[in-house]
Amino acid sequence: MILRPWVILLAAGGSRRFGRAKQLARLGGETLLRRAARVALAARVAGCIVVLGAGAPRLARELHGLPLRTALNRRWRDGLSTSLRSGLDALPASAPAALIMLADQAAIRPADLERLITTWRRHPRSIVAARAGAIRGPPLILPRSSFVALHRIRGDAGARKLLADPARRVIEIEIAAAAFDVDHPADLARIRRDRVLSCAAAWQELRNCRP
């Protein structure tokens, strides 16, 4: 049996710095949220859980027709850790690992996720994280053995504490696209200007994932 992680796609934030729901901002003809979900599904994962919070009903409509599950984080204002817990709680008991994605990492491609998954299959007890320059973090894969520790994290923090734990083995994969996220409208304009998503191969990968 081929090991496949479940995706936890985090999309619950209020987009305060962006000024409106950035999950609904459009890029390449579709919203950031729907694109991120399709990228996840195109990577041939075991399943995908999208964690929603602010504006959940409207965002859920944007996911119509995609083979995924949603989880509602009613405490999204309390920080990123609450969304991680919501995602973890929604995973099936059989999930061997969680691939954590952010909906605003607009340049991530299915091939980037597949590189993480391939490495994790070789080292299923390790954390496998993207590195972009000096920064490491999502998308990243966390094995089930780390779920309890992740569930204990509080506040506006993600998995950084686990990545910094010397007792845990962390394997880093260089993924330049992980450096591009959308916090402000100018970030979206920059991605459009730099044509980060213009590569035909990226769109061909997404065509393999149909609603």
Foldseek 3Di string as FASTA:
>chain_A
DQAFAEEEEEQADQLVQAPHRQQQDDDPHGGLVCVVLLQRVLLVGPAYEYEYEVPVVVVVVSNPPAGHHYFYQPVCVQADLSSLLRSVVPDDPPGFKYFYHYSFLRLDFSVVVNVQSVVCSVVVQAKEWEDAVPDIDPRIMHGPVCSVVSNPDGGHDHCVVVVPDPVGHYHYDYDNSSVQGDSYVVSVVVCVVVVSVVDPVRVVSSVVRDD
